[in-house]
């Protein structure tokens, strides 16, 4: 069974534009690895430095969401920590079918 979800991911407290660019690159790899790179938008902001990933164009349809989300969250955390150890990671899921 699949579930429709919205993704909201903010990576804050980045120290520089280089760090923001490194986070963007790392996140794009995770998104590609999870086959959702075409279903989300990635934005890099430079004043202050932060990165945003959202599924604002429509929900993601995910099978086995509980298992997949745990793996996705782990992969995001590992990727961000590898390039920006002090960053604040704020990842939220929304369930539009239950609103």
C-alpha atoms as a PDB file:
ATOM      1  CA  UNK A   1       0.000   0.000   0.000  1.00  0.00           C
ATOM      2  CA  UNK A   2       1.231   3.493  -0.752  1.00  0.00           C
ATOM      3  CA  UNK A   3       0.606   6.741   1.042  1.00  0.00           C
ATOM      4  CA  UNK A   4       0.616  10.321  -0.238  1.00  0.00           C
ATOM      5  CA  UNK A   5       2.961  12.582   1.685  1.00  0.00           C
ATOM      6  CA  UNK A   6       4.390  16.076   1.447  1.00  0.00           C
ATOM      7  CA  UNK A   7       8.035  16.609   2.316  1.00  0.00           C
ATOM      8  CA  UNK A   8       9.365  19.772   3.935  1.00  0.00           C
ATOM      9  CA  UNK A   9      13.097  19.779   4.639  1.00  0.00           C
ATOM     10  CA  UNK A  10      15.023  22.833   5.836  1.00  0.00           C
ATOM     11  CA  UNK A  11      18.768  22.782   6.491  1.00  0.00           C
ATOM     12  CA  UNK A  12      19.626  25.858   8.562  1.00  0.00           C
ATOM     13  CA  UNK A  13      22.642  27.332  10.362  1.00  0.00           C
ATOM     14  CA  UNK A  14      25.012  26.916   7.435  1.00  0.00           C
ATOM     15  CA  UNK A  15      28.247  28.859   7.727  1.00  0.00           C
ATOM     16  CA  UNK A  16      28.863  29.909   4.127  1.00  0.00           C
ATOM     17  CA  UNK A  17      27.676  29.754   0.551  1.00  0.00           C
ATOM     18  CA  UNK A  18      30.206  26.965  -0.055  1.00  0.00           C
ATOM     19  CA  UNK A  19      28.643  24.932   2.747  1.00  0.00           C
ATOM     20  CA  UNK A  20      25.147  25.598   1.353  1.00  0.00           C
ATOM     21  CA  UNK A  21      26.302  24.437  -2.086  1.00  0.00           C
ATOM     22  CA  UNK A  22      27.838  21.290  -0.569  1.00  0.00           C
ATOM     23  CA  UNK A  23      24.575  20.534   1.248  1.00  0.00           C
ATOM     24  CA  UNK A  24      22.621  21.023  -1.984  1.00  0.00           C
ATOM     25  CA  UNK A  25      24.897  18.586  -3.819  1.00  0.00           C
ATOM     26  CA  UNK A  26      24.676  16.022  -1.011  1.00  0.00           C
ATOM     27  CA  UNK A  27      20.881  16.278  -0.860  1.00  0.00           C
ATOM     28  CA  UNK A  28      20.496  15.982  -4.627  1.00  0.00           C
ATOM     29  CA  UNK A  29      22.401  12.689  -4.408  1.00  0.00           C
ATOM     30  CA  UNK A  30      20.066  11.411  -1.674  1.00  0.00           C
ATOM     31  CA  UNK A  31      17.010  12.504  -3.659  1.00  0.00           C
ATOM     32  CA  UNK A  32      18.322  10.725  -6.752  1.00  0.00           C
ATOM     33  CA  UNK A  33      19.150   7.587  -4.736  1.00  0.00           C
ATOM     34  CA  UNK A  34      15.547   7.523  -3.476  1.00  0.00           C
ATOM     35  CA  UNK A  35      14.136   8.240  -6.964  1.00  0.00           C
ATOM     36  CA  UNK A  36      12.292  11.403  -5.928  1.00  0.00           C
ATOM     37  CA  UNK A  37      14.570  14.034  -7.496  1.00  0.00           C
ATOM     38  CA  UNK A  38      11.956  14.888 -10.162  1.00  0.00           C
ATOM     39  CA  UNK A  39       9.137  15.207  -7.628  1.00  0.00           C
ATOM     40  CA  UNK A  40      10.691  17.807  -5.321  1.00  0.00           C
ATOM     41  CA  UNK A  41      12.176  21.281  -5.532  1.00  0.00           C
ATOM     42  CA  UNK A  42      15.538  22.224  -4.063  1.00  0.00           C
ATOM     43  CA  UNK A  43      16.350  25.825  -3.196  1.00  0.00           C
ATOM     44  CA  UNK A  44      19.574  27.361  -1.902  1.00  0.00           C
ATOM     45  CA  UNK A  45      19.359  30.652  -0.019  1.00  0.00           C
ATOM     46  CA  UNK A  46      22.383  32.769   0.779  1.00  0.00           C
ATOM     47  CA  UNK A  47      21.288  35.406   3.259  1.00  0.00           C
ATOM     48  CA  UNK A  48      21.169  33.670   5.671  1.00  0.00           C
ATOM     49  CA  UNK A  49      22.641  30.453   4.291  1.00  0.00           C
ATOM     50  CA  UNK A  50      20.136  27.595   4.183  1.00  0.00           C
ATOM     51  CA  UNK A  51      18.737  24.906   1.863  1.00  0.00           C
ATOM     52  CA  UNK A  52      15.112  23.893   1.326  1.00  0.00           C
ATOM     53  CA  UNK A  53      13.626  20.748  -0.231  1.00  0.00           C
ATOM     54  CA  UNK A  54       9.853  20.557  -0.715  1.00  0.00           C
ATOM     55  CA  UNK A  55       7.246  18.571  -2.573  1.00  0.00           C
ATOM     56  CA  UNK A  56       5.212  21.736  -3.102  1.00  0.00           C
ATOM     57  CA  UNK A  57       3.990  20.762  -6.592  1.00  0.00           C
ATOM     58  CA  UNK A  58       2.086  17.768  -5.240  1.00  0.00           C
ATOM     59  CA  UNK A  59       2.416  14.890  -2.833  1.00  0.00           C
ATOM     60  CA  UNK A  60       4.863  12.029  -3.155  1.00  0.00           C
ATOM     61  CA  UNK A  61       3.324   8.581  -3.410  1.00  0.00           C
ATOM     62  CA  UNK A  62       5.426   6.200  -1.312  1.00  0.00           C
ATOM     63  CA  UNK A  63       5.073   2.471  -0.703  1.00  0.00           C
ATOM     64  CA  UNK A  64       5.975   1.120   2.733  1.00  0.00           C
ATOM     65  CA  UNK A  65       6.309   4.655   4.031  1.00  0.00           C
ATOM     66  CA  UNK A  66       7.348   3.660   7.567  1.00  0.00           C
ATOM     67  CA  UNK A  67      10.391   1.746   6.360  1.00  0.00           C
ATOM     68  CA  UNK A  68      11.191   4.128   3.519  1.00  0.00           C
ATOM     69  CA  UNK A  69      10.934   7.277   5.664  1.00  0.00           C
ATOM     70  CA  UNK A  70      13.312   5.894   8.301  1.00  0.00           C
ATOM     71  CA  UNK A  71      15.885   5.100   5.612  1.00  0.00           C
ATOM     72  CA  UNK A  72      15.383   8.458   3.889  1.00  0.00           C
ATOM     73  CA  UNK A  73      15.753  10.406   7.145  1.00  0.00           C
ATOM     74  CA  UNK A  74      18.927   8.476   7.996  1.00  0.00           C
ATOM     75  CA  UNK A  75      20.386   9.127   4.532  1.00  0.00           C
ATOM     76  CA  UNK A  76      19.562  12.848   4.723  1.00  0.00           C
ATOM     77  CA  UNK A  77      21.163  13.140   8.154  1.00  0.00           C
ATOM     78  CA  UNK A  78      24.318  11.285   7.113  1.00  0.00           C
ATOM     79  CA  UNK A  79      24.679  13.297   3.898  1.00  0.00           C
ATOM     80  CA  UNK A  80      24.206  16.662   5.600  1.00  0.00           C
ATOM     81  CA  UNK A  81      26.446  15.830   8.581  1.00  0.00           C
ATOM     82  CA  UNK A  82      29.227  14.774   6.184  1.00  0.00           C
ATOM     83  CA  UNK A  83      29.436  18.279   4.691  1.00  0.00           C
ATOM     84  CA  UNK A  84      27.890  20.518   7.392  1.00  0.00           C
ATOM     85  CA  UNK A  85      28.303  18.925  10.827  1.00  0.00           C
ATOM     86  CA  UNK A  86      26.769  21.864  12.724  1.00  0.00           C
ATOM     87  CA  UNK A  87      23.719  22.335  10.507  1.00  0.00           C
ATOM     88  CA  UNK A  88      20.206  22.203  11.904  1.00  0.00           C
ATOM     89  CA  UNK A  89      18.070  19.626  10.055  1.00  0.00           C
ATOM     90  CA  UNK A  90      14.299  20.178  10.153  1.00  0.00           C
ATOM     91  CA  UNK A  91      12.419  17.437   8.286  1.00  0.00           C
ATOM     92  CA  UNK A  92       8.631  17.243   8.416  1.00  0.00           C
ATOM     93  CA  UNK A  93       6.049  15.032   6.743  1.00  0.00           C
ATOM     94  CA  UNK A  94       2.476  16.063   5.997  1.00  0.00           C
ATOM     95  CA  UNK A  95      -0.292  13.643   5.082  1.00  0.00           C
ATOM     96  CA  UNK A  96      -2.726  15.414   2.703  1.00  0.00           C
ATOM     97  CA  UNK A  97      -5.137  12.455   2.550  1.00  0.00           C
ATOM     98  CA  UNK A  98      -5.768  12.819   6.280  1.00  0.00           C
ATOM     99  CA  UNK A  99      -6.254  16.601   6.403  1.00  0.00           C
END
